[in-house]
Amino acid sequence: MTAKRIVLVTAHTGRKAAVDSARMVISRLVEAGFTVRVLQSEAEEIGCAGAEMVSASLAAVQDAEMMIVLGGDGSLLRAAELARPAGVPLLGVNLGHVGFLAEAEAEDLSVTVDCVVQGRYDVEERMTIEVVARLNGQLLADTWALNEATVEKRERMLEVVAEIDGRPLSRWGCDGVICATPTGSTAYAFSAGGPVVWPEVEALLLVPISAHALFARPLVVSPRSALALEVQPQTAGAVLWCDGRRRYDLPAGARVEVRRGEVPVRLARLHGVEDTGAPFTDRLVAKFDLPVQGWRGRVRS
């Protein structure tokens, strides 16, 4: 920790609960001697007494200890675009629905701030993917994702050939194909029938969406593998989405390549807040409200 502790606080300003929570967090951190930054685009809604207003650029997180995000998973994915290049950890406080990426819930906010002030947290790294799209050598997109990159139909059914490690795998007529990380396995890939992958497992997922084919099962491949999707010439184009935030049009004949990213996203894990630091199994049970009645656990002698 440096003598000057800096935190960037961002919130889903469309939600009153997020705005109220942001004000409380800012007040508590300023009182504890932190330098608190707020994005200019959010400052008016939040009210930033005692905080510095900054533009949404890399300068916003320069020398910051962490970035506190109040909202849902969408808010955290947006914040990751700022935090990832600077290697700044993200601390998500869930004010949305499932909030799988969030570390704390709204009711634990006071204890969450205490953990930050007292430095009671660890940092874990989550795998990302690098995504490049080209058409006949022309670069169409060069981007990344924390959860997933999806190639989806634009109008009619998408005709696509999937490739793994330079070899063709299968051709699908489908609604789309998802290339996901373990973090993204509980997001869009899960909704499309993909498996849940524990965050510490290093792997890439390939999940067809509503494919008209006998072989169209989700695949889990090596993190060192290179995935590629080729949009067939007879297709009326497609759309590439990364984390549901960045959109790129793909003409017929476009090729999308996906590899493990070199730069991870860093997430803060707290000590001393209920349900945080718990095994991933417990998080699955809590977030999806899974029935575990009748479980007795290991019989101890």
C-alpha atoms as a PDB file:
ATOM      1  CA  MET A   1       0.000   0.000   0.000  1.00  0.00           C
ATOM      2  CA  THR A   2       1.247   3.488  -0.766  1.00  0.00           C
ATOM      3  CA  ALA A   3       0.860   6.435   1.594  1.00  0.00           C
ATOM      4  CA  LYS A   4      -1.662   7.940  -0.789  1.00  0.00           C
ATOM      5  CA  ARG A   5      -4.438   5.425  -1.297  1.00  0.00           C
ATOM      6  CA  ILE A   6      -6.579   6.068  -4.374  1.00  0.00           C
ATOM      7  CA  VAL A   7      -9.883   4.420  -5.276  1.00  0.00           C
ATOM      8  CA  LEU A   8     -12.089   5.004  -8.309  1.00  0.00           C
ATOM      9  CA  VAL A   9     -15.802   4.576  -7.529  1.00  0.00           C
ATOM     10  CA  THR A  10     -18.261   3.969 -10.347  1.00  0.00           C
ATOM     11  CA  ALA A  11     -21.979   3.175 -10.234  1.00  0.00           C
ATOM     12  CA  HIS A  12     -24.982   2.287 -12.369  1.00  0.00           C
ATOM     13  CA  THR A  13     -26.490   5.770 -12.159  1.00  0.00           C
ATOM     14  CA  GLY A  14     -29.802   4.540 -13.569  1.00  0.00           C
ATOM     15  CA  ARG A  15     -30.453   2.788 -10.267  1.00  0.00           C
ATOM     16  CA  LYS A  16     -31.195   4.877  -7.184  1.00  0.00           C
ATOM     17  CA  ALA A  17     -29.815   2.161  -4.909  1.00  0.00           C
ATOM     18  CA  ALA A  18     -26.489   2.293  -6.735  1.00  0.00           C
ATOM     19  CA  VAL A  19     -26.316   6.087  -6.483  1.00  0.00           C
ATOM     20  CA  ASP A  20     -27.143   6.045  -2.762  1.00  0.00           C
ATOM     21  CA  SER A  21     -24.576   3.305  -2.161  1.00  0.00           C
ATOM     22  CA  ALA A  22     -21.913   5.204  -4.110  1.00  0.00           C
ATOM     23  CA  ARG A  23     -22.462   8.278  -1.957  1.00  0.00           C
ATOM     24  CA  MET A  24     -22.031   6.233   1.199  1.00  0.00           C
ATOM     25  CA  VAL A  25     -18.873   4.550  -0.101  1.00  0.00           C
ATOM     26  CA  ILE A  26     -17.337   7.862  -1.162  1.00  0.00           C
ATOM     27  CA  SER A  27     -18.140   9.482   2.188  1.00  0.00           C
ATOM     28  CA  ARG A  28     -16.643   6.602   4.172  1.00  0.00           C
ATOM     29  CA  LEU A  29     -13.483   6.410   2.070  1.00  0.00           C
ATOM     30  CA  VAL A  30     -12.874  10.167   2.140  1.00  0.00           C
ATOM     31  CA  GLU A  31     -13.342  10.099   5.906  1.00  0.00           C
ATOM     32  CA  ALA A  32     -10.731   7.337   6.088  1.00  0.00           C
ATOM     33  CA  GLY A  33      -8.230   9.511   4.222  1.00  0.00           C
ATOM     34  CA  PHE A  34      -8.543   8.027   0.738  1.00  0.00           C
ATOM     35  CA  THR A  35      -8.347   9.993  -2.476  1.00  0.00           C
ATOM     36  CA  VAL A  36     -11.609   9.066  -4.210  1.00  0.00           C
ATOM     37  CA  ARG A  37     -12.195   9.567  -7.915  1.00  0.00           C
ATOM     38  CA  VAL A  38     -15.550   9.680  -9.720  1.00  0.00           C
ATOM     39  CA  LEU A  39     -16.094   9.650 -13.476  1.00  0.00           C
ATOM     40  CA  GLN A  40     -17.257  12.973 -14.895  1.00  0.00           C
ATOM     41  CA  SER A  41     -20.131  11.241 -16.655  1.00  0.00           C
ATOM     42  CA  GLU A  42     -21.469  10.024 -13.287  1.00  0.00           C
ATOM     43  CA  ALA A  43     -20.510  12.891 -10.986  1.00  0.00           C
ATOM     44  CA  GLU A  44     -23.693  14.919 -11.387  1.00  0.00           C
ATOM     45  CA  GLU A  45     -25.991  11.995 -10.519  1.00  0.00           C
ATOM     46  CA  ILE A  46     -23.854  10.722  -7.667  1.00  0.00           C
ATOM     47  CA  GLY A  47     -22.832  14.028  -6.163  1.00  0.00           C
ATOM     48  CA  CYS A  48     -19.140  13.960  -5.451  1.00  0.00           C
ATOM     49  CA  ALA A  49     -18.499  15.943  -2.278  1.00  0.00           C
ATOM     50  CA  GLY A  50     -14.898  15.247  -1.339  1.00  0.00           C
ATOM     51  CA  ALA A  51     -14.172  13.308  -4.546  1.00  0.00           C
ATOM     52  CA  GLU A  52     -12.148  14.193  -7.627  1.00  0.00           C
ATOM     53  CA  MET A  53     -13.859  14.181 -11.028  1.00  0.00           C
ATOM     54  CA  VAL A  54     -11.921  12.390 -13.781  1.00  0.00           C
ATOM     55  CA  SER A  55     -12.561  11.536 -17.408  1.00  0.00           C
ATOM     56  CA  ALA A  56     -13.110   7.924 -18.450  1.00  0.00           C
ATOM     57  CA  SER A  57      -9.531   7.312 -19.569  1.00  0.00           C
ATOM     58  CA  LEU A  58      -6.506   5.408 -18.311  1.00  0.00           C
ATOM     59  CA  ALA A  59      -5.657   8.438 -16.189  1.00  0.00           C
ATOM     60  CA  ALA A  60      -8.761   7.689 -14.106  1.00  0.00           C
ATOM     61  CA  VAL A  61      -7.164   4.531 -12.689  1.00  0.00           C
ATOM     62  CA  GLN A  62      -3.527   5.610 -12.714  1.00  0.00           C
ATOM     63  CA  ASP A  63      -1.943   4.701  -9.335  1.00  0.00           C
ATOM     64  CA  ALA A  64      -5.342   3.512  -8.068  1.00  0.00           C
ATOM     65  CA  GLU A  65      -5.449   0.730  -5.486  1.00  0.00           C
ATOM     66  CA  MET A  66      -8.748  -0.557  -6.837  1.00  0.00           C
ATOM     67  CA  MET A  67     -11.952   0.304  -8.649  1.00  0.00           C
ATOM     68  CA  ILE A  68     -15.212  -0.181  -6.736  1.00  0.00           C
ATOM     69  CA  VAL A  69     -18.166  -0.920  -9.021  1.00  0.00           C
ATOM     70  CA  LEU A  70     -21.748  -0.627  -7.748  1.00  0.00           C
ATOM     71  CA  GLY A  71     -24.256  -2.285 -10.058  1.00  0.00           C
ATOM     72  CA  GLY A  72     -24.643  -5.606 -11.863  1.00  0.00           C
ATOM     73  CA  ASP A  73     -22.373  -7.705 -14.032  1.00  0.00           C
ATOM     74  CA  GLY A  74     -22.891  -5.306 -16.941  1.00  0.00           C
ATOM     75  CA  SER A  75     -21.484  -2.459 -14.864  1.00  0.00           C
ATOM     76  CA  LEU A  76     -18.474  -4.559 -13.943  1.00  0.00           C
ATOM     77  CA  LEU A  77     -17.807  -5.534 -17.561  1.00  0.00           C
ATOM     78  CA  ARG A  78     -17.897  -1.862 -18.504  1.00  0.00           C
ATOM     79  CA  ALA A  79     -15.505  -1.022 -15.671  1.00  0.00           C
ATOM     80  CA  ALA A  80     -13.123  -3.772 -16.798  1.00  0.00           C
ATOM     81  CA  GLU A  81     -12.440  -1.818 -19.985  1.00  0.00           C
ATOM     82  CA  LEU A  82     -10.787   0.852 -17.826  1.00  0.00           C
ATOM     83  CA  ALA A  83      -9.214  -1.350 -15.166  1.00  0.00           C
ATOM     84  CA  ARG A  84      -7.703  -4.144 -17.283  1.00  0.00           C
ATOM     85  CA  PRO A  85      -5.000  -2.170 -19.154  1.00  0.00           C
ATOM     86  CA  ALA A  86      -3.782  -0.657 -15.882  1.00  0.00           C
ATOM     87  CA  GLY A  87      -3.913  -3.923 -13.922  1.00  0.00           C
ATOM     88  CA  VAL A  88      -6.191  -2.341 -11.317  1.00  0.00           C
ATOM     89  CA  PRO A  89      -8.357  -4.789  -9.312  1.00  0.00           C
ATOM     90  CA  LEU A  90     -12.145  -4.539  -9.569  1.00  0.00           C
ATOM     91  CA  LEU A  91     -14.401  -4.887  -6.545  1.00  0.00           C
ATOM     92  CA  GLY A  92     -18.006  -5.453  -7.578  1.00  0.00           C
ATOM     93  CA  VAL A  93     -20.955  -4.791  -5.263  1.00  0.00           C
ATOM     94  CA  ASN A  94     -24.053  -6.486  -6.632  1.00  0.00           C
ATOM     95  CA  LEU A  95     -27.076  -4.247  -7.049  1.00  0.00           C
ATOM     96  CA  GLY A  96     -28.418  -6.155 -10.038  1.00  0.00           C
ATOM     97  CA  HIS A  97     -29.931  -9.623 -10.346  1.00  0.00           C
ATOM     98  CA  VAL A  98     -27.566 -12.603 -10.271  1.00  0.00           C
ATOM     99  CA  GLY A  99     -24.357 -10.576 -10.161  1.00  0.00           C
ATOM    100  CA  PHE A 100     -21.993 -13.503 -10.619  1.00  0.00           C
ATOM    101  CA  LEU A 101     -18.925 -11.303 -11.017  1.00  0.00           C
ATOM    102  CA  ALA A 102     -19.659  -9.232  -7.916  1.00  0.00           C
ATOM    103  CA  GLU A 103     -17.769  -9.922  -4.711  1.00  0.00           C
ATOM    104  CA  ALA A 104     -20.240  -8.438  -2.241  1.00  0.00           C
ATOM    105  CA  GLU A 105     -23.956  -7.800  -1.871  1.00  0.00           C
ATOM    106  CA  ALA A 106     -25.616  -4.474  -1.079  1.00  0.00           C
ATOM    107  CA  GLU A 107     -26.484  -5.511   2.487  1.00  0.00           C
ATOM    108  CA  ASP A 108     -22.768  -6.066   3.199  1.00  0.00           C
ATOM    109  CA  LEU A 109     -21.704  -2.650   1.947  1.00  0.00           C
ATOM    110  CA  SER A 110     -20.546  -1.260   5.290  1.00  0.00           C
ATOM    111  CA  VAL A 111     -18.368  -4.295   6.009  1.00  0.00           C
ATOM    112  CA  THR A 112     -17.105  -4.199   2.428  1.00  0.00           C
ATOM    113  CA  VAL A 113     -15.813  -0.659   2.915  1.00  0.00           C
ATOM    114  CA  ASP A 114     -14.184  -1.697   6.185  1.00  0.00           C
ATOM    115  CA  CYS A 115     -12.342  -4.487   4.367  1.00  0.00           C
ATOM    116  CA  VAL A 116     -11.045  -2.030   1.767  1.00  0.00           C
ATOM    117  CA  VAL A 117      -9.921   0.486   4.383  1.00  0.00           C
ATOM    118  CA  GLN A 118      -8.167  -2.210   6.416  1.00  0.00           C
ATOM    119  CA  GLY A 119      -6.649  -3.875   3.353  1.00  0.00           C
ATOM    120  CA  ARG A 120      -8.413  -7.161   4.060  1.00  0.00           C
ATOM    121  CA  TYR A 121      -8.596  -8.515   0.534  1.00  0.00           C
ATOM    122  CA  ASP A 122      -6.709 -10.630  -1.980  1.00  0.00           C
ATOM    123  CA  VAL A 123      -6.556 -10.272  -5.739  1.00  0.00           C
ATOM    124  CA  GLU A 124      -7.231 -13.076  -8.217  1.00  0.00           C
ATOM    125  CA  GLU A 125      -6.698 -13.022 -11.960  1.00  0.00           C
ATOM    126  CA  ARG A 126      -9.353 -14.065 -14.467  1.00  0.00           C
ATOM    127  CA  MET A 127      -8.484 -15.285 -17.943  1.00  0.00           C
ATOM    128  CA  THR A 128      -9.481 -13.124 -20.908  1.00  0.00           C
ATOM    129  CA  ILE A 129      -9.590 -13.811 -24.643  1.00  0.00           C
ATOM    130  CA  GLU A 130      -8.117 -11.853 -27.538  1.00  0.00           C
ATOM    131  CA  VAL A 131     -10.423 -11.590 -30.555  1.00  0.00           C
ATOM    132  CA  VAL A 132      -9.372 -10.684 -34.098  1.00  0.00           C
ATOM    133  CA  ALA A 133     -11.671 -10.559 -37.142  1.00  0.00           C
ATOM    134  CA  ARG A 134     -10.504 -10.242 -40.745  1.00  0.00           C
ATOM    135  CA  LEU A 135     -11.879 -10.361 -44.265  1.00  0.00           C
ATOM    136  CA  ASN A 136      -9.353 -11.291 -46.970  1.00  0.00           C
ATOM    137  CA  GLY A 137      -6.545  -9.896 -44.830  1.00  0.00           C
ATOM    138  CA  GLN A 138      -8.384  -6.672 -43.971  1.00  0.00           C
ATOM    139  CA  LEU A 139      -8.670  -6.105 -40.222  1.00  0.00           C
ATOM    140  CA  LEU A 140     -12.283  -5.756 -39.069  1.00  0.00           C
ATOM    141  CA  ALA A 141     -11.821  -5.992 -35.284  1.00  0.00           C
ATOM    142  CA  ASP A 142      -8.999  -6.358 -32.775  1.00  0.00           C
ATOM    143  CA  THR A 143     -10.491  -6.554 -29.294  1.00  0.00           C
ATOM    144  CA  TRP A 144     -10.856  -8.719 -26.176  1.00  0.00           C
ATOM    145  CA  ALA A 145     -13.428 -10.138 -23.764  1.00  0.00           C
ATOM    146  CA  LEU A 146     -13.675 -11.310 -20.172  1.00  0.00           C
ATOM    147  CA  ASN A 147     -16.808 -13.441 -20.574  1.00  0.00           C
ATOM    148  CA  GLU A 148     -17.244 -14.328 -24.226  1.00  0.00           C
ATOM    149  CA  ALA A 149     -17.046 -13.457 -27.895  1.00  0.00           C
ATOM    150  CA  THR A 150     -20.063 -14.488 -29.971  1.00  0.00           C
ATOM    151  CA  VAL A 151     -20.582 -14.670 -33.714  1.00  0.00           C
ATOM    152  CA  GLU A 152     -24.333 -14.392 -34.304  1.00  0.00           C
ATOM    153  CA  LYS A 153     -26.678 -14.363 -37.249  1.00  0.00           C
ATOM    154  CA  ARG A 154     -27.737 -11.005 -38.627  1.00  0.00           C
ATOM    155  CA  GLU A 155     -30.919 -11.962 -40.486  1.00  0.00           C
ATOM    156  CA  ARG A 156     -31.202 -15.550 -41.649  1.00  0.00           C
ATOM    157  CA  MET A 157     -29.502 -18.616 -40.223  1.00  0.00           C
ATOM    158  CA  LEU A 158     -25.742 -18.365 -39.851  1.00  0.00           C
ATOM    159  CA  GLU A 159     -23.591 -20.818 -41.803  1.00  0.00           C
ATOM    160  CA  VAL A 160     -20.236 -21.128 -40.091  1.00  0.00           C
ATOM    161  CA  VAL A 161     -17.269 -23.509 -40.030  1.00  0.00           C
ATOM    162  CA  ALA A 162     -15.503 -23.953 -36.694  1.00  0.00           C
ATOM    163  CA  GLU A 163     -11.769 -24.532 -36.507  1.00  0.00           C
ATOM    164  CA  ILE A 164      -9.558 -25.622 -33.602  1.00  0.00           C
ATOM    165  CA  ASP A 165      -5.762 -25.390 -33.738  1.00  0.00           C
ATOM    166  CA  GLY A 166      -5.712 -24.888 -37.476  1.00  0.00           C
ATOM    167  CA  ARG A 167      -7.907 -27.877 -38.298  1.00  0.00           C
ATOM    168  CA  PRO A 168     -11.592 -27.802 -39.343  1.00  0.00           C
ATOM    169  CA  LEU A 169     -13.988 -29.191 -36.726  1.00  0.00           C
ATOM    170  CA  SER A 170     -17.518 -28.897 -38.116  1.00  0.00           C
ATOM    171  CA  ARG A 171     -19.888 -26.776 -40.148  1.00  0.00           C
ATOM    172  CA  TRP A 172     -23.052 -25.558 -38.482  1.00  0.00           C
ATOM    173  CA  GLY A 173     -26.233 -23.875 -39.577  1.00  0.00           C
ATOM    174  CA  CYS A 174     -27.049 -22.072 -36.355  1.00  0.00           C
ATOM    175  CA  ASP A 175     -28.063 -18.886 -34.572  1.00  0.00           C
ATOM    176  CA  GLY A 176     -24.463 -18.323 -33.520  1.00  0.00           C
ATOM    177  CA  VAL A 177     -21.374 -19.675 -31.758  1.00  0.00           C
ATOM    178  CA  ILE A 178     -19.973 -18.619 -28.374  1.00  0.00           C
ATOM    179  CA  CYS A 179     -16.269 -18.638 -27.502  1.00  0.00           C
ATOM    180  CA  ALA A 180     -16.103 -18.242 -23.727  1.00  0.00           C
ATOM    181  CA  THR A 181     -13.724 -18.179 -20.776  1.00  0.00           C
ATOM    182  CA  PRO A 182     -14.312 -20.038 -17.485  1.00  0.00           C
ATOM    183  CA  THR A 183     -15.599 -16.737 -16.075  1.00  0.00           C
ATOM    184  CA  GLY A 184     -18.058 -16.516 -18.957  1.00  0.00           C
ATOM    185  CA  SER A 185     -19.212 -20.102 -18.468  1.00  0.00           C
ATOM    186  CA  THR A 186     -21.933 -18.882 -16.083  1.00  0.00           C
ATOM    187  CA  ALA A 187     -23.110 -16.158 -18.469  1.00  0.00           C
ATOM    188  CA  TYR A 188     -24.289 -16.434 -22.106  1.00  0.00           C
ATOM    189  CA  ALA A 189     -22.562 -19.794 -22.613  1.00  0.00           C
ATOM    190  CA  PHE A 190     -24.524 -21.246 -19.682  1.00  0.00           C
ATOM    191  CA  SER A 191     -27.811 -20.019 -21.167  1.00  0.00           C
ATOM    192  CA  ALA A 192     -26.882 -21.728 -24.446  1.00  0.00           C
ATOM    193  CA  GLY A 193     -26.347 -25.075 -22.719  1.00  0.00           C
ATOM    194  CA  GLY A 194     -22.640 -24.880 -21.995  1.00  0.00           C
ATOM    195  CA  PRO A 195     -21.005 -26.361 -18.880  1.00  0.00           C
ATOM    196  CA  VAL A 196     -20.105 -24.436 -15.733  1.00  0.00           C
ATOM    197  CA  VAL A 197     -16.311 -24.252 -15.436  1.00  0.00           C
ATOM    198  CA  TRP A 198     -14.627 -23.390 -12.145  1.00  0.00           C
ATOM    199  CA  PRO A 199     -12.720 -20.067 -12.400  1.00  0.00           C
ATOM    200  CA  GLU A 200      -9.345 -21.610 -11.550  1.00  0.00           C
ATOM    201  CA  VAL A 201      -9.650 -24.094 -14.429  1.00  0.00           C
ATOM    202  CA  GLU A 202      -7.721 -22.855 -17.458  1.00  0.00           C
ATOM    203  CA  ALA A 203      -9.745 -23.657 -20.558  1.00  0.00           C
ATOM    204  CA  LEU A 204     -11.657 -22.206 -23.493  1.00  0.00           C
ATOM    205  CA  LEU A 205     -15.269 -23.060 -24.334  1.00  0.00           C
ATOM    206  CA  LEU A 206     -16.867 -23.389 -27.760  1.00  0.00           C
ATOM    207  CA  VAL A 207     -20.682 -23.439 -27.587  1.00  0.00           C
ATOM    208  CA  PRO A 208     -22.935 -23.556 -30.689  1.00  0.00           C
ATOM    209  CA  ILE A 209     -26.297 -21.772 -30.358  1.00  0.00           C
ATOM    210  CA  SER A 210     -29.325 -23.698 -31.692  1.00  0.00           C
ATOM    211  CA  ALA A 211     -27.260 -25.570 -34.263  1.00  0.00           C
ATOM    212  CA  HIS A 212     -28.965 -27.781 -36.872  1.00  0.00           C
ATOM    213  CA  ALA A 213     -26.467 -30.642 -36.664  1.00  0.00           C
ATOM    214  CA  LEU A 214     -26.047 -34.035 -35.033  1.00  0.00           C
ATOM    215  CA  PHE A 215     -22.695 -32.987 -33.555  1.00  0.00           C
ATOM    216  CA  ALA A 216     -23.265 -29.640 -31.879  1.00  0.00           C
ATOM    217  CA  ARG A 217     -22.239 -30.236 -28.277  1.00  0.00           C
ATOM    218  CA  PRO A 218     -20.391 -27.642 -26.179  1.00  0.00           C
ATOM    219  CA  LEU A 219     -16.630 -28.234 -26.202  1.00  0.00           C
ATOM    220  CA  VAL A 220     -14.000 -27.511 -23.556  1.00  0.00           C
ATOM    221  CA  VAL A 221     -10.533 -27.147 -25.073  1.00  0.00           C
ATOM    222  CA  SER A 222      -7.011 -26.307 -23.970  1.00  0.00           C
ATOM    223  CA  PRO A 223      -6.262 -22.692 -22.981  1.00  0.00           C
ATOM    224  CA  ARG A 224      -3.411 -22.891 -25.494  1.00  0.00           C
ATOM    225  CA  SER A 225      -5.772 -23.731 -28.344  1.00  0.00           C
ATOM    226  CA  ALA A 226      -6.603 -21.299 -31.141  1.00  0.00           C
ATOM    227  CA  LEU A 227     -10.289 -21.136 -32.080  1.00  0.00           C
ATOM    228  CA  ALA A 228     -11.562 -19.767 -35.373  1.00  0.00           C
ATOM    229  CA  LEU A 229     -14.978 -19.260 -36.938  1.00  0.00           C
ATOM    230  CA  GLU A 230     -15.401 -18.694 -40.673  1.00  0.00           C
ATOM    231  CA  VAL A 231     -18.623 -17.073 -41.874  1.00  0.00           C
ATOM    232  CA  GLN A 232     -19.574 -18.876 -45.063  1.00  0.00           C
ATOM    233  CA  PRO A 233     -20.007 -16.922 -48.352  1.00  0.00           C
ATOM    234  CA  GLN A 234     -23.706 -17.760 -48.729  1.00  0.00           C
ATOM    235  CA  THR A 235     -24.507 -16.264 -45.309  1.00  0.00           C
ATOM    236  CA  ALA A 236     -26.047 -12.794 -45.179  1.00  0.00           C
ATOM    237  CA  GLY A 237     -23.251 -11.598 -42.919  1.00  0.00           C
ATOM    238  CA  ALA A 238     -23.018 -11.872 -39.155  1.00  0.00           C
ATOM    239  CA  VAL A 239     -22.342  -9.830 -36.018  1.00  0.00           C
ATOM    240  CA  LEU A 240     -19.463 -10.192 -33.565  1.00  0.00           C
ATOM    241  CA  TRP A 241     -20.222  -9.270 -29.953  1.00  0.00           C
ATOM    242  CA  CYS A 242     -17.636  -9.110 -27.172  1.00  0.00           C
ATOM    243  CA  ASP A 243     -19.046  -9.257 -23.618  1.00  0.00           C
ATOM    244  CA  GLY A 244     -22.336  -8.034 -25.070  1.00  0.00           C
ATOM    245  CA  ARG A 245     -20.826  -4.527 -25.206  1.00  0.00           C
ATOM    246  CA  ARG A 246     -18.677  -4.147 -28.309  1.00  0.00           C
ATOM    247  CA  ARG A 247     -20.311  -4.891 -31.679  1.00  0.00           C
ATOM    248  CA  TYR A 248     -18.665  -5.442 -35.055  1.00  0.00           C
ATOM    249  CA  ASP A 249     -20.340  -6.263 -38.369  1.00  0.00           C
ATOM    250  CA  LEU A 250     -18.950  -9.319 -40.144  1.00  0.00           C
ATOM    251  CA  PRO A 251     -19.450  -9.571 -43.907  1.00  0.00           C
ATOM    252  CA  ALA A 252     -19.853 -12.968 -45.541  1.00  0.00           C
ATOM    253  CA  GLY A 253     -16.440 -14.633 -45.733  1.00  0.00           C
ATOM    254  CA  ALA A 254     -15.137 -13.028 -42.527  1.00  0.00           C
ATOM    255  CA  ARG A 255     -12.897 -15.031 -40.187  1.00  0.00           C
ATOM    256  CA  VAL A 256     -12.832 -14.578 -36.392  1.00  0.00           C
ATOM    257  CA  GLU A 257      -9.861 -15.887 -34.399  1.00  0.00           C
ATOM    258  CA  VAL A 258      -9.931 -16.311 -30.618  1.00  0.00           C
ATOM    259  CA  ARG A 259      -6.989 -17.014 -28.315  1.00  0.00           C
ATOM    260  CA  ARG A 260      -6.217 -16.704 -24.653  1.00  0.00           C
ATOM    261  CA  GLY A 261      -5.517 -13.087 -23.758  1.00  0.00           C
ATOM    262  CA  GLU A 262      -2.151 -11.978 -22.431  1.00  0.00           C
ATOM    263  CA  VAL A 263      -3.685  -9.448 -20.017  1.00  0.00           C
ATOM    264  CA  PRO A 264      -6.080 -10.798 -17.353  1.00  0.00           C
ATOM    265  CA  VAL A 265      -8.789  -8.968 -15.449  1.00  0.00           C
ATOM    266  CA  ARG A 266      -8.005  -8.693 -11.737  1.00  0.00           C
ATOM    267  CA  LEU A 267     -10.787  -9.122  -9.158  1.00  0.00           C
ATOM    268  CA  ALA A 268     -10.591  -8.275  -5.463  1.00  0.00           C
ATOM    269  CA  ARG A 269     -11.697 -10.988  -3.016  1.00  0.00           C
ATOM    270  CA  LEU A 270     -12.571  -9.772   0.478  1.00  0.00           C
ATOM    271  CA  HIS A 271     -11.885 -11.240   3.905  1.00  0.00           C
ATOM    272  CA  GLY A 272     -14.597 -11.084   6.538  1.00  0.00           C
ATOM    273  CA  VAL A 273     -17.748 -10.575   4.448  1.00  0.00           C
ATOM    274  CA  GLU A 274     -20.383 -13.296   4.459  1.00  0.00           C
ATOM    275  CA  ASP A 275     -20.220 -15.568   1.387  1.00  0.00           C
ATOM    276  CA  THR A 276     -17.020 -13.967   0.072  1.00  0.00           C
ATOM    277  CA  GLY A 277     -13.886 -16.046  -0.090  1.00  0.00           C
ATOM    278  CA  ALA A 278     -16.171 -19.095  -0.052  1.00  0.00           C
ATOM    279  CA  PRO A 279     -15.698 -22.052  -2.425  1.00  0.00           C
ATOM    280  CA  PHE A 280     -17.074 -21.569  -5.928  1.00  0.00           C
ATOM    281  CA  THR A 281     -19.572 -24.341  -5.191  1.00  0.00           C
ATOM    282  CA  ASP A 282     -21.153 -22.179  -2.488  1.00  0.00           C
ATOM    283  CA  ARG A 283     -21.368 -19.265  -4.902  1.00  0.00           C
ATOM    284  CA  LEU A 284     -23.154 -21.428  -7.461  1.00  0.00           C
ATOM    285  CA  VAL A 285     -25.653 -22.586  -4.848  1.00  0.00           C
ATOM    286  CA  ALA A 286     -26.310 -19.034  -3.656  1.00  0.00           C
ATOM    287  CA  LYS A 287     -26.536 -17.334  -7.045  1.00  0.00           C
ATOM    288  CA  PHE A 288     -28.712 -19.996  -8.693  1.00  0.00           C
ATOM    289  CA  ASP A 289     -30.663 -20.852  -5.532  1.00  0.00           C
ATOM    290  CA  LEU A 290     -29.837 -24.537  -5.990  1.00  0.00           C
ATOM    291  CA  PRO A 291     -31.653 -27.080  -3.783  1.00  0.00           C
ATOM    292  CA  VAL A 292     -29.251 -28.743  -1.343  1.00  0.00           C
ATOM    293  CA  GLN A 293     -31.731 -29.957   1.277  1.00  0.00           C
ATOM    294  CA  GLY A 294     -30.806 -33.404   2.542  1.00  0.00           C
ATOM    295  CA  TRP A 295     -27.058 -32.928   2.209  1.00  0.00           C
ATOM    296  CA  ARG A 296     -25.269 -34.355   5.243  1.00  0.00           C
ATOM    297  CA  GLY A 297     -21.665 -33.907   4.252  1.00  0.00           C
ATOM    298  CA  ARG A 298     -18.769 -36.250   4.927  1.00  0.00           C
ATOM    299  CA  VAL A 299     -19.246 -38.490   7.930  1.00  0.00           C
ATOM    300  CA  ARG A 300     -16.399 -37.790  10.336  1.00  0.00           C
ATOM    301  CA  SER A 301     -15.044 -40.604  12.453  1.00  0.00           C
END
